[in-house]
């Protein structure tokens, strides 16, 4: 099934297109307008959400575990993507959900090597990426939106760049609140947030780990990723260098799939022109 989906990605290039929230952190506003929210729907209504980033006019990059067919989400009837900074909130049997009055739809394509089984192992995180091939260019519905640029091959290691304490910005629509010992206090308001994070001092070949500072809140902009931020972007400046895969229960760390590896570029290169 994933192999057939990859062929769909290749076809999309050949045919001209018709044209986990941050705990702590701060509201993003228009800081990253190309970061959007993905919502899965079944016959009852919306029941899960993730984050992701527009990387081409008709290509939305997210985590593989956010796409239909993955054991974590099952097979929703439809996924919708919107790029508003915040959303009105409704309620159904699944709990609160965002009300999307403007959105785009598309065809999901997961990385063919994503195993979908063992979160936080290297195979899972390294390949935890997928795309949604949009049915129409995002800027037809969200005028002025510009895709995020991707890194060249080996960007995070070239010239000794890869090092502990390097600065990143994590962006997404996940849970937010405070983490207190033995008493987590989470809330969700479906608002795009960003958190200033640092690169941690250990790495797997195709992943990197960010460390955050929960409970610091808007005063510092520091924080850590949480549920709903999955698929969101890890940025260095405007450059999108990673996809958020997981966190350590929203406490300290965010685990990112690198976008500058041969494997990531082989997958993305079928859908997006690469630097």
C-alpha atoms as a PDB file:
ATOM      1  CA  UNK A   1       0.000   0.000   0.000  1.00  0.00           C
ATOM      2  CA  UNK A   2       2.806   2.410   0.850  1.00  0.00           C
ATOM      3  CA  UNK A   3       4.589   1.433  -2.379  1.00  0.00           C
ATOM      4  CA  UNK A   4       1.503   2.378  -4.387  1.00  0.00           C
ATOM      5  CA  UNK A   5       1.270   5.632  -2.483  1.00  0.00           C
ATOM      6  CA  UNK A   6       4.876   6.454  -3.374  1.00  0.00           C
ATOM      7  CA  UNK A   7       3.996   5.972  -7.038  1.00  0.00           C
ATOM      8  CA  UNK A   8       1.257   8.544  -6.527  1.00  0.00           C
ATOM      9  CA  UNK A   9       3.920  10.941  -5.275  1.00  0.00           C
ATOM     10  CA  UNK A  10       6.061  10.348  -8.367  1.00  0.00           C
ATOM     11  CA  UNK A  11       3.011  10.835 -10.586  1.00  0.00           C
ATOM     12  CA  UNK A  12       2.264  14.140  -8.912  1.00  0.00           C
ATOM     13  CA  UNK A  13       5.663  15.408 -10.030  1.00  0.00           C
ATOM     14  CA  UNK A  14       5.215  14.231 -13.590  1.00  0.00           C
ATOM     15  CA  UNK A  15       1.774  15.826 -14.061  1.00  0.00           C
ATOM     16  CA  UNK A  16       1.503  19.613 -13.546  1.00  0.00           C
ATOM     17  CA  UNK A  17      -0.488  20.201 -10.397  1.00  0.00           C
ATOM     18  CA  UNK A  18      -3.581  22.445 -10.592  1.00  0.00           C
ATOM     19  CA  UNK A  19      -1.412  24.437  -9.120  1.00  0.00           C
ATOM     20  CA  UNK A  20       2.791  16.230  19.427  1.00  0.00           C
ATOM     21  CA  UNK A  21       1.248  22.084  21.255  1.00  0.00           C
ATOM     22  CA  UNK A  22       4.186  23.360  22.641  1.00  0.00           C
ATOM     23  CA  UNK A  23       4.227  23.058  26.439  1.00  0.00           C
ATOM     24  CA  UNK A  24       5.436  26.461  27.557  1.00  0.00           C
ATOM     25  CA  UNK A  25       6.680  28.359  24.532  1.00  0.00           C
ATOM     26  CA  UNK A  26       4.625  31.209  23.118  1.00  0.00           C
ATOM     27  CA  UNK A  27       1.937  31.811  20.478  1.00  0.00           C
ATOM     28  CA  UNK A  28       3.542  31.852  17.045  1.00  0.00           C
ATOM     29  CA  UNK A  29       1.213  34.380  15.419  1.00  0.00           C
ATOM     30  CA  UNK A  30       2.461  34.840  11.849  1.00  0.00           C
ATOM     31  CA  UNK A  31       5.981  33.678  12.653  1.00  0.00           C
ATOM     32  CA  UNK A  32       5.606  30.406  10.723  1.00  0.00           C
ATOM     33  CA  UNK A  33       2.530  30.733   8.476  1.00  0.00           C
ATOM     34  CA  UNK A  34       3.591  27.628   6.509  1.00  0.00           C
ATOM     35  CA  UNK A  35       3.082  25.409   9.596  1.00  0.00           C
ATOM     36  CA  UNK A  36      -0.452  24.026   9.574  1.00  0.00           C
ATOM     37  CA  UNK A  37      -2.704  21.626  11.422  1.00  0.00           C
ATOM     38  CA  UNK A  38      -3.826  18.241  10.068  1.00  0.00           C
ATOM     39  CA  UNK A  39      -7.169  16.897  11.346  1.00  0.00           C
ATOM     40  CA  UNK A  40      -8.465  13.357  10.781  1.00  0.00           C
ATOM     41  CA  UNK A  41     -12.194  12.740  10.336  1.00  0.00           C
ATOM     42  CA  UNK A  42     -14.335   9.612  10.436  1.00  0.00           C
ATOM     43  CA  UNK A  43     -18.100   9.209  10.001  1.00  0.00           C
ATOM     44  CA  UNK A  44     -18.696  10.857  13.413  1.00  0.00           C
ATOM     45  CA  UNK A  45     -16.394  13.823  12.917  1.00  0.00           C
ATOM     46  CA  UNK A  46     -12.864  14.982  13.785  1.00  0.00           C
ATOM     47  CA  UNK A  47     -11.019  12.725  16.220  1.00  0.00           C
ATOM     48  CA  UNK A  48      -7.283  13.466  16.096  1.00  0.00           C
ATOM     49  CA  UNK A  49      -4.916  16.196  15.013  1.00  0.00           C
ATOM     50  CA  UNK A  50      -1.241  16.670  14.179  1.00  0.00           C
ATOM     51  CA  UNK A  51       0.988  19.417  12.819  1.00  0.00           C
ATOM     52  CA  UNK A  52       3.016  19.774   9.633  1.00  0.00           C
ATOM     53  CA  UNK A  53       4.701  22.203   7.239  1.00  0.00           C
ATOM     54  CA  UNK A  54       4.054  23.247   3.663  1.00  0.00           C
ATOM     55  CA  UNK A  55       7.243  22.479   1.679  1.00  0.00           C
ATOM     56  CA  UNK A  56       5.890  23.015  -1.850  1.00  0.00           C
ATOM     57  CA  UNK A  57       2.670  24.619  -3.137  1.00  0.00           C
ATOM     58  CA  UNK A  58       0.892  21.237  -3.074  1.00  0.00           C
ATOM     59  CA  UNK A  59       3.037  19.254  -0.594  1.00  0.00           C
ATOM     60  CA  UNK A  60       2.453  19.218   3.181  1.00  0.00           C
ATOM     61  CA  UNK A  61       5.142  17.437   5.227  1.00  0.00           C
ATOM     62  CA  UNK A  62       4.162  15.737   8.491  1.00  0.00           C
ATOM     63  CA  UNK A  63       4.927  12.628  10.569  1.00  0.00           C
ATOM     64  CA  UNK A  64       4.132   9.218   9.081  1.00  0.00           C
ATOM     65  CA  UNK A  65       2.325   8.206  12.264  1.00  0.00           C
ATOM     66  CA  UNK A  66      -0.159  11.043  11.630  1.00  0.00           C
ATOM     67  CA  UNK A  67      -1.343   9.571   8.326  1.00  0.00           C
ATOM     68  CA  UNK A  68      -4.198   7.152   7.592  1.00  0.00           C
ATOM     69  CA  UNK A  69      -3.194   3.508   7.776  1.00  0.00           C
ATOM     70  CA  UNK A  70      -0.786   3.967  10.680  1.00  0.00           C
ATOM     71  CA  UNK A  71      -1.714   1.938  13.790  1.00  0.00           C
ATOM     72  CA  UNK A  72      -1.826   5.135  15.857  1.00  0.00           C
ATOM     73  CA  UNK A  73      -4.664   6.727  13.866  1.00  0.00           C
ATOM     74  CA  UNK A  74      -6.375   3.922  11.910  1.00  0.00           C
ATOM     75  CA  UNK A  75      -8.163   4.795   8.689  1.00  0.00           C
ATOM     76  CA  UNK A  76     -10.014   8.122   8.842  1.00  0.00           C
ATOM     77  CA  UNK A  77     -12.336   8.870   5.954  1.00  0.00           C
ATOM     78  CA  UNK A  78     -10.655  12.190   5.289  1.00  0.00           C
ATOM     79  CA  UNK A  79      -7.851  14.412   6.441  1.00  0.00           C
ATOM     80  CA  UNK A  80      -8.059  18.191   6.272  1.00  0.00           C
ATOM     81  CA  UNK A  81      -5.273  20.753   6.610  1.00  0.00           C
ATOM     82  CA  UNK A  82      -5.564  24.378   7.642  1.00  0.00           C
ATOM     83  CA  UNK A  83      -2.981  27.122   8.226  1.00  0.00           C
ATOM     84  CA  UNK A  84      -4.838  29.505  10.536  1.00  0.00           C
ATOM     85  CA  UNK A  85      -3.028  30.621  13.679  1.00  0.00           C
ATOM     86  CA  UNK A  86      -5.900  29.456  15.933  1.00  0.00           C
ATOM     87  CA  UNK A  87      -9.296  27.762  15.623  1.00  0.00           C
ATOM     88  CA  UNK A  88     -12.732  27.863  17.267  1.00  0.00           C
ATOM     89  CA  UNK A  89     -13.329  24.808  19.450  1.00  0.00           C
ATOM     90  CA  UNK A  90     -16.197  22.318  19.234  1.00  0.00           C
ATOM     91  CA  UNK A  91     -16.950  19.213  21.284  1.00  0.00           C
ATOM     92  CA  UNK A  92     -17.933  15.637  20.410  1.00  0.00           C
ATOM     93  CA  UNK A  93     -17.537  12.200  21.989  1.00  0.00           C
ATOM     94  CA  UNK A  94     -13.798  12.333  21.370  1.00  0.00           C
ATOM     95  CA  UNK A  95     -13.499  15.614  23.284  1.00  0.00           C
ATOM     96  CA  UNK A  96     -12.625  19.110  22.035  1.00  0.00           C
ATOM     97  CA  UNK A  97     -11.894  19.511  18.337  1.00  0.00           C
ATOM     98  CA  UNK A  98     -10.967  22.429  16.060  1.00  0.00           C
ATOM     99  CA  UNK A  99     -13.598  23.845  13.730  1.00  0.00           C
ATOM    100  CA  UNK A 100     -12.039  24.266  10.281  1.00  0.00           C
ATOM    101  CA  UNK A 101     -13.902  26.676   8.035  1.00  0.00           C
ATOM    102  CA  UNK A 102     -11.009  26.943   5.552  1.00  0.00           C
ATOM    103  CA  UNK A 103      -8.931  23.917   4.638  1.00  0.00           C
ATOM    104  CA  UNK A 104      -7.330  21.865   1.885  1.00  0.00           C
ATOM    105  CA  UNK A 105      -7.503  18.106   1.360  1.00  0.00           C
ATOM    106  CA  UNK A 106      -5.121  15.675  -0.299  1.00  0.00           C
ATOM    107  CA  UNK A 107      -3.622  12.212  -0.679  1.00  0.00           C
ATOM    108  CA  UNK A 108      -1.358  10.909   2.130  1.00  0.00           C
ATOM    109  CA  UNK A 109       1.962   9.227   1.346  1.00  0.00           C
ATOM    110  CA  UNK A 110       4.049   7.735   4.186  1.00  0.00           C
ATOM    111  CA  UNK A 111       7.804   7.075   4.001  1.00  0.00           C
ATOM    112  CA  UNK A 112       7.996   3.453   2.783  1.00  0.00           C
ATOM    113  CA  UNK A 113      10.555   2.547   5.476  1.00  0.00           C
ATOM    114  CA  UNK A 114       8.443   3.744   8.396  1.00  0.00           C
ATOM    115  CA  UNK A 115       7.755   0.669  10.543  1.00  0.00           C
ATOM    116  CA  UNK A 116       4.889   2.172  12.534  1.00  0.00           C
ATOM    117  CA  UNK A 117       5.573   0.005  15.553  1.00  0.00           C
ATOM    118  CA  UNK A 118       8.282   1.032  17.988  1.00  0.00           C
ATOM    119  CA  UNK A 119       8.212   4.721  18.943  1.00  0.00           C
ATOM    120  CA  UNK A 120      11.598   6.211  19.842  1.00  0.00           C
ATOM    121  CA  UNK A 121      13.652   3.478  18.199  1.00  0.00           C
ATOM    122  CA  UNK A 122      15.945   4.678  15.441  1.00  0.00           C
ATOM    123  CA  UNK A 123      14.026   3.148  12.533  1.00  0.00           C
ATOM    124  CA  UNK A 124      10.770   4.669  13.739  1.00  0.00           C
ATOM    125  CA  UNK A 125      12.038   8.201  14.333  1.00  0.00           C
ATOM    126  CA  UNK A 126      14.372   8.319  11.326  1.00  0.00           C
ATOM    127  CA  UNK A 127      11.597   7.443   8.887  1.00  0.00           C
ATOM    128  CA  UNK A 128       8.669   9.022  10.733  1.00  0.00           C
ATOM    129  CA  UNK A 129       7.769  11.359   7.908  1.00  0.00           C
ATOM    130  CA  UNK A 130       5.150  11.510   5.212  1.00  0.00           C
ATOM    131  CA  UNK A 131       3.494  13.991   2.911  1.00  0.00           C
ATOM    132  CA  UNK A 132      -0.018  14.954   1.945  1.00  0.00           C
ATOM    133  CA  UNK A 133      -0.240  15.740  -1.770  1.00  0.00           C
ATOM    134  CA  UNK A 134      -2.757  18.559  -1.778  1.00  0.00           C
ATOM    135  CA  UNK A 135      -5.641  18.638  -4.227  1.00  0.00           C
ATOM    136  CA  UNK A 136      -4.966  22.315  -4.904  1.00  0.00           C
ATOM    137  CA  UNK A 137      -2.170  24.774  -4.080  1.00  0.00           C
ATOM    138  CA  UNK A 138      -2.378  25.950  -0.469  1.00  0.00           C
ATOM    139  CA  UNK A 139      -2.130  29.604  -1.485  1.00  0.00           C
ATOM    140  CA  UNK A 140      -5.428  29.364  -3.375  1.00  0.00           C
ATOM    141  CA  UNK A 141      -7.137  28.967   0.008  1.00  0.00           C
ATOM    142  CA  UNK A 142      -4.553  30.773   2.158  1.00  0.00           C
ATOM    143  CA  UNK A 143      -3.241  33.643   0.015  1.00  0.00           C
ATOM    144  CA  UNK A 144       0.382  34.603   0.488  1.00  0.00           C
ATOM    145  CA  UNK A 145       1.524  31.354   2.119  1.00  0.00           C
ATOM    146  CA  UNK A 146       5.094  30.461   1.105  1.00  0.00           C
ATOM    147  CA  UNK A 147       6.584  26.955   1.466  1.00  0.00           C
ATOM    148  CA  UNK A 148       9.425  26.432   3.939  1.00  0.00           C
ATOM    149  CA  UNK A 149      12.855  25.772   2.395  1.00  0.00           C
ATOM    150  CA  UNK A 150      14.507  22.383   2.993  1.00  0.00           C
ATOM    151  CA  UNK A 151      18.189  21.778   3.840  1.00  0.00           C
ATOM    152  CA  UNK A 152      20.841  20.460   1.462  1.00  0.00           C
ATOM    153  CA  UNK A 153      22.340  17.000   1.953  1.00  0.00           C
ATOM    154  CA  UNK A 154      24.334  16.742   5.195  1.00  0.00           C
ATOM    155  CA  UNK A 155      23.455  20.269   6.294  1.00  0.00           C
ATOM    156  CA  UNK A 156      23.371  19.477  10.024  1.00  0.00           C
ATOM    157  CA  UNK A 157      26.874  18.000   9.939  1.00  0.00           C
ATOM    158  CA  UNK A 158      28.625  20.073   7.292  1.00  0.00           C
ATOM    159  CA  UNK A 159      31.489  22.150   8.655  1.00  0.00           C
ATOM    160  CA  UNK A 160      30.989  20.729  12.134  1.00  0.00           C
ATOM    161  CA  UNK A 161      27.594  22.384  12.468  1.00  0.00           C
ATOM    162  CA  UNK A 162      26.085  19.557  14.481  1.00  0.00           C
ATOM    163  CA  UNK A 163      26.734  20.264  18.134  1.00  0.00           C
ATOM    164  CA  UNK A 164      25.123  20.388  21.550  1.00  0.00           C
ATOM    165  CA  UNK A 165      23.286  23.587  22.508  1.00  0.00           C
ATOM    166  CA  UNK A 166      22.648  24.719  18.956  1.00  0.00           C
ATOM    167  CA  UNK A 167      19.405  26.725  18.766  1.00  0.00           C
ATOM    168  CA  UNK A 168      16.191  25.451  17.147  1.00  0.00           C
ATOM    169  CA  UNK A 169      12.564  26.524  17.042  1.00  0.00           C
ATOM    170  CA  UNK A 170       9.882  23.842  17.343  1.00  0.00           C
ATOM    171  CA  UNK A 171       6.452  24.788  15.939  1.00  0.00           C
ATOM    172  CA  UNK A 172       3.104  23.009  16.268  1.00  0.00           C
ATOM    173  CA  UNK A 173      -0.498  22.891  17.512  1.00  0.00           C
ATOM    174  CA  UNK A 174      -0.206  20.419  20.382  1.00  0.00           C
ATOM    175  CA  UNK A 175      -1.114  20.398  24.039  1.00  0.00           C
ATOM    176  CA  UNK A 176       0.075  23.271  26.182  1.00  0.00           C
ATOM    177  CA  UNK A 177       0.113  23.963  29.871  1.00  0.00           C
ATOM    178  CA  UNK A 178       2.381  23.242  32.808  1.00  0.00           C
ATOM    179  CA  UNK A 179       4.081  20.051  33.880  1.00  0.00           C
ATOM    180  CA  UNK A 180       4.291  19.665  37.640  1.00  0.00           C
ATOM    181  CA  UNK A 181       5.688  16.661  39.494  1.00  0.00           C
ATOM    182  CA  UNK A 182       2.950  14.017  39.759  1.00  0.00           C
ATOM    183  CA  UNK A 183       0.371  16.545  38.567  1.00  0.00           C
ATOM    184  CA  UNK A 184       0.360  17.298  34.844  1.00  0.00           C
ATOM    185  CA  UNK A 185      -1.889  20.172  33.886  1.00  0.00           C
ATOM    186  CA  UNK A 186      -2.509  20.143  30.136  1.00  0.00           C
ATOM    187  CA  UNK A 187      -4.933  22.112  28.019  1.00  0.00           C
ATOM    188  CA  UNK A 188      -5.526  22.431  24.311  1.00  0.00           C
ATOM    189  CA  UNK A 189      -6.726  25.475  22.421  1.00  0.00           C
ATOM    190  CA  UNK A 190      -5.645  24.581  18.868  1.00  0.00           C
ATOM    191  CA  UNK A 191      -3.283  27.536  18.598  1.00  0.00           C
ATOM    192  CA  UNK A 192      -0.010  27.458  16.698  1.00  0.00           C
ATOM    193  CA  UNK A 193       2.890  27.831  19.132  1.00  0.00           C
ATOM    194  CA  UNK A 194       6.649  27.882  18.981  1.00  0.00           C
ATOM    195  CA  UNK A 195       9.288  26.927  21.520  1.00  0.00           C
ATOM    196  CA  UNK A 196      12.967  27.789  21.675  1.00  0.00           C
ATOM    197  CA  UNK A 197      14.907  24.531  22.160  1.00  0.00           C
ATOM    198  CA  UNK A 198      18.514  23.403  22.235  1.00  0.00           C
ATOM    199  CA  UNK A 199      20.184  20.483  20.504  1.00  0.00           C
ATOM    200  CA  UNK A 200      21.037  17.759  22.994  1.00  0.00           C
ATOM    201  CA  UNK A 201      24.490  16.209  23.051  1.00  0.00           C
ATOM    202  CA  UNK A 202      23.621  12.762  21.662  1.00  0.00           C
ATOM    203  CA  UNK A 203      22.344  11.760  18.255  1.00  0.00           C
ATOM    204  CA  UNK A 204      21.358   8.788  16.145  1.00  0.00           C
ATOM    205  CA  UNK A 205      22.566   8.820  12.541  1.00  0.00           C
ATOM    206  CA  UNK A 206      19.290   9.998  11.047  1.00  0.00           C
ATOM    207  CA  UNK A 207      17.754  11.780  14.029  1.00  0.00           C
ATOM    208  CA  UNK A 208      18.471  14.561  16.472  1.00  0.00           C
ATOM    209  CA  UNK A 209      17.188  15.271  19.948  1.00  0.00           C
ATOM    210  CA  UNK A 210      16.131  18.664  21.267  1.00  0.00           C
ATOM    211  CA  UNK A 211      15.891  19.586  24.914  1.00  0.00           C
ATOM    212  CA  UNK A 212      13.395  22.091  26.191  1.00  0.00           C
ATOM    213  CA  UNK A 213      12.534  23.981  29.330  1.00  0.00           C
ATOM    214  CA  UNK A 214       8.932  23.231  30.353  1.00  0.00           C
ATOM    215  CA  UNK A 215       7.053  25.615  32.636  1.00  0.00           C
ATOM    216  CA  UNK A 216       8.978  28.652  31.416  1.00  0.00           C
ATOM    217  CA  UNK A 217       6.002  29.995  29.439  1.00  0.00           C
ATOM    218  CA  UNK A 218       5.631  33.076  27.253  1.00  0.00           C
ATOM    219  CA  UNK A 219       8.098  35.140  29.251  1.00  0.00           C
ATOM    220  CA  UNK A 220      11.030  33.284  27.690  1.00  0.00           C
ATOM    221  CA  UNK A 221       9.487  31.455  24.737  1.00  0.00           C
ATOM    222  CA  UNK A 222      11.137  28.221  25.891  1.00  0.00           C
ATOM    223  CA  UNK A 223       9.217  24.972  26.095  1.00  0.00           C
ATOM    224  CA  UNK A 224       8.992  21.384  24.835  1.00  0.00           C
ATOM    225  CA  UNK A 225       6.839  19.466  22.350  1.00  0.00           C
ATOM    226  CA  UNK A 226       3.735  17.472  23.295  1.00  0.00           C
ATOM    227  CA  UNK A 227       0.827  15.483  21.824  1.00  0.00           C
ATOM    228  CA  UNK A 228      -0.460  17.217  18.685  1.00  0.00           C
ATOM    229  CA  UNK A 229       2.956  18.656  17.833  1.00  0.00           C
ATOM    230  CA  UNK A 230       3.774  15.442  15.951  1.00  0.00           C
ATOM    231  CA  UNK A 231       4.720  16.269  12.375  1.00  0.00           C
ATOM    232  CA  UNK A 232       5.475  19.883  13.249  1.00  0.00           C
ATOM    233  CA  UNK A 233       8.655  21.552  12.125  1.00  0.00           C
ATOM    234  CA  UNK A 234      12.059  21.940  13.752  1.00  0.00           C
ATOM    235  CA  UNK A 235      13.547  25.113  12.253  1.00  0.00           C
ATOM    236  CA  UNK A 236      16.916  26.798  12.158  1.00  0.00           C
ATOM    237  CA  UNK A 237      15.912  30.296  11.182  1.00  0.00           C
ATOM    238  CA  UNK A 238      13.543  29.881   8.223  1.00  0.00           C
ATOM    239  CA  UNK A 239      15.098  26.535   7.222  1.00  0.00           C
ATOM    240  CA  UNK A 240      13.055  23.411   8.024  1.00  0.00           C
ATOM    241  CA  UNK A 241      15.573  20.790   9.185  1.00  0.00           C
ATOM    242  CA  UNK A 242      13.478  18.217  11.078  1.00  0.00           C
ATOM    243  CA  UNK A 243      10.058  16.632  11.594  1.00  0.00           C
ATOM    244  CA  UNK A 244       8.836  16.204  15.155  1.00  0.00           C
ATOM    245  CA  UNK A 245       8.271  12.501  15.892  1.00  0.00           C
ATOM    246  CA  UNK A 246       7.880  12.151  19.663  1.00  0.00           C
ATOM    247  CA  UNK A 247       8.635  13.520  23.113  1.00  0.00           C
ATOM    248  CA  UNK A 248       9.434  12.030  26.508  1.00  0.00           C
ATOM    249  CA  UNK A 249       5.841  12.516  27.728  1.00  0.00           C
ATOM    250  CA  UNK A 250       6.116  16.287  27.127  1.00  0.00           C
ATOM    251  CA  UNK A 251       8.711  16.739  29.867  1.00  0.00           C
ATOM    252  CA  UNK A 252      12.190  17.464  28.489  1.00  0.00           C
ATOM    253  CA  UNK A 253      12.966  16.208  24.985  1.00  0.00           C
ATOM    254  CA  UNK A 254      11.696  16.245  21.393  1.00  0.00           C
ATOM    255  CA  UNK A 255      12.868  13.560  18.948  1.00  0.00           C
ATOM    256  CA  UNK A 256      13.254  14.732  15.355  1.00  0.00           C
ATOM    257  CA  UNK A 257      13.671  13.004  11.998  1.00  0.00           C
ATOM    258  CA  UNK A 258      16.425  14.723  10.021  1.00  0.00           C
ATOM    259  CA  UNK A 259      15.542  16.103   6.597  1.00  0.00           C
ATOM    260  CA  UNK A 260      19.121  16.352   5.330  1.00  0.00           C
ATOM    261  CA  UNK A 261      19.843  12.600   5.085  1.00  0.00           C
ATOM    262  CA  UNK A 262      20.007  10.468   1.948  1.00  0.00           C
ATOM    263  CA  UNK A 263      16.930   8.493   3.021  1.00  0.00           C
ATOM    264  CA  UNK A 264      14.826  11.588   3.721  1.00  0.00           C
ATOM    265  CA  UNK A 265      15.909  13.256   0.476  1.00  0.00           C
ATOM    266  CA  UNK A 266      15.204  10.107  -1.529  1.00  0.00           C
ATOM    267  CA  UNK A 267      11.627  10.155  -0.238  1.00  0.00           C
ATOM    268  CA  UNK A 268      11.067  13.919  -0.474  1.00  0.00           C
ATOM    269  CA  UNK A 269      12.824  14.252  -3.823  1.00  0.00           C
ATOM    270  CA  UNK A 270       9.979  12.352  -5.496  1.00  0.00           C
ATOM    271  CA  UNK A 271       7.618  15.166  -4.496  1.00  0.00           C
ATOM    272  CA  UNK A 272       9.635  18.336  -3.937  1.00  0.00           C
ATOM    273  CA  UNK A 273      12.571  20.006  -5.754  1.00  0.00           C
ATOM    274  CA  UNK A 274      15.534  19.774  -3.355  1.00  0.00           C
ATOM    275  CA  UNK A 275      18.488  22.140  -2.858  1.00  0.00           C
END
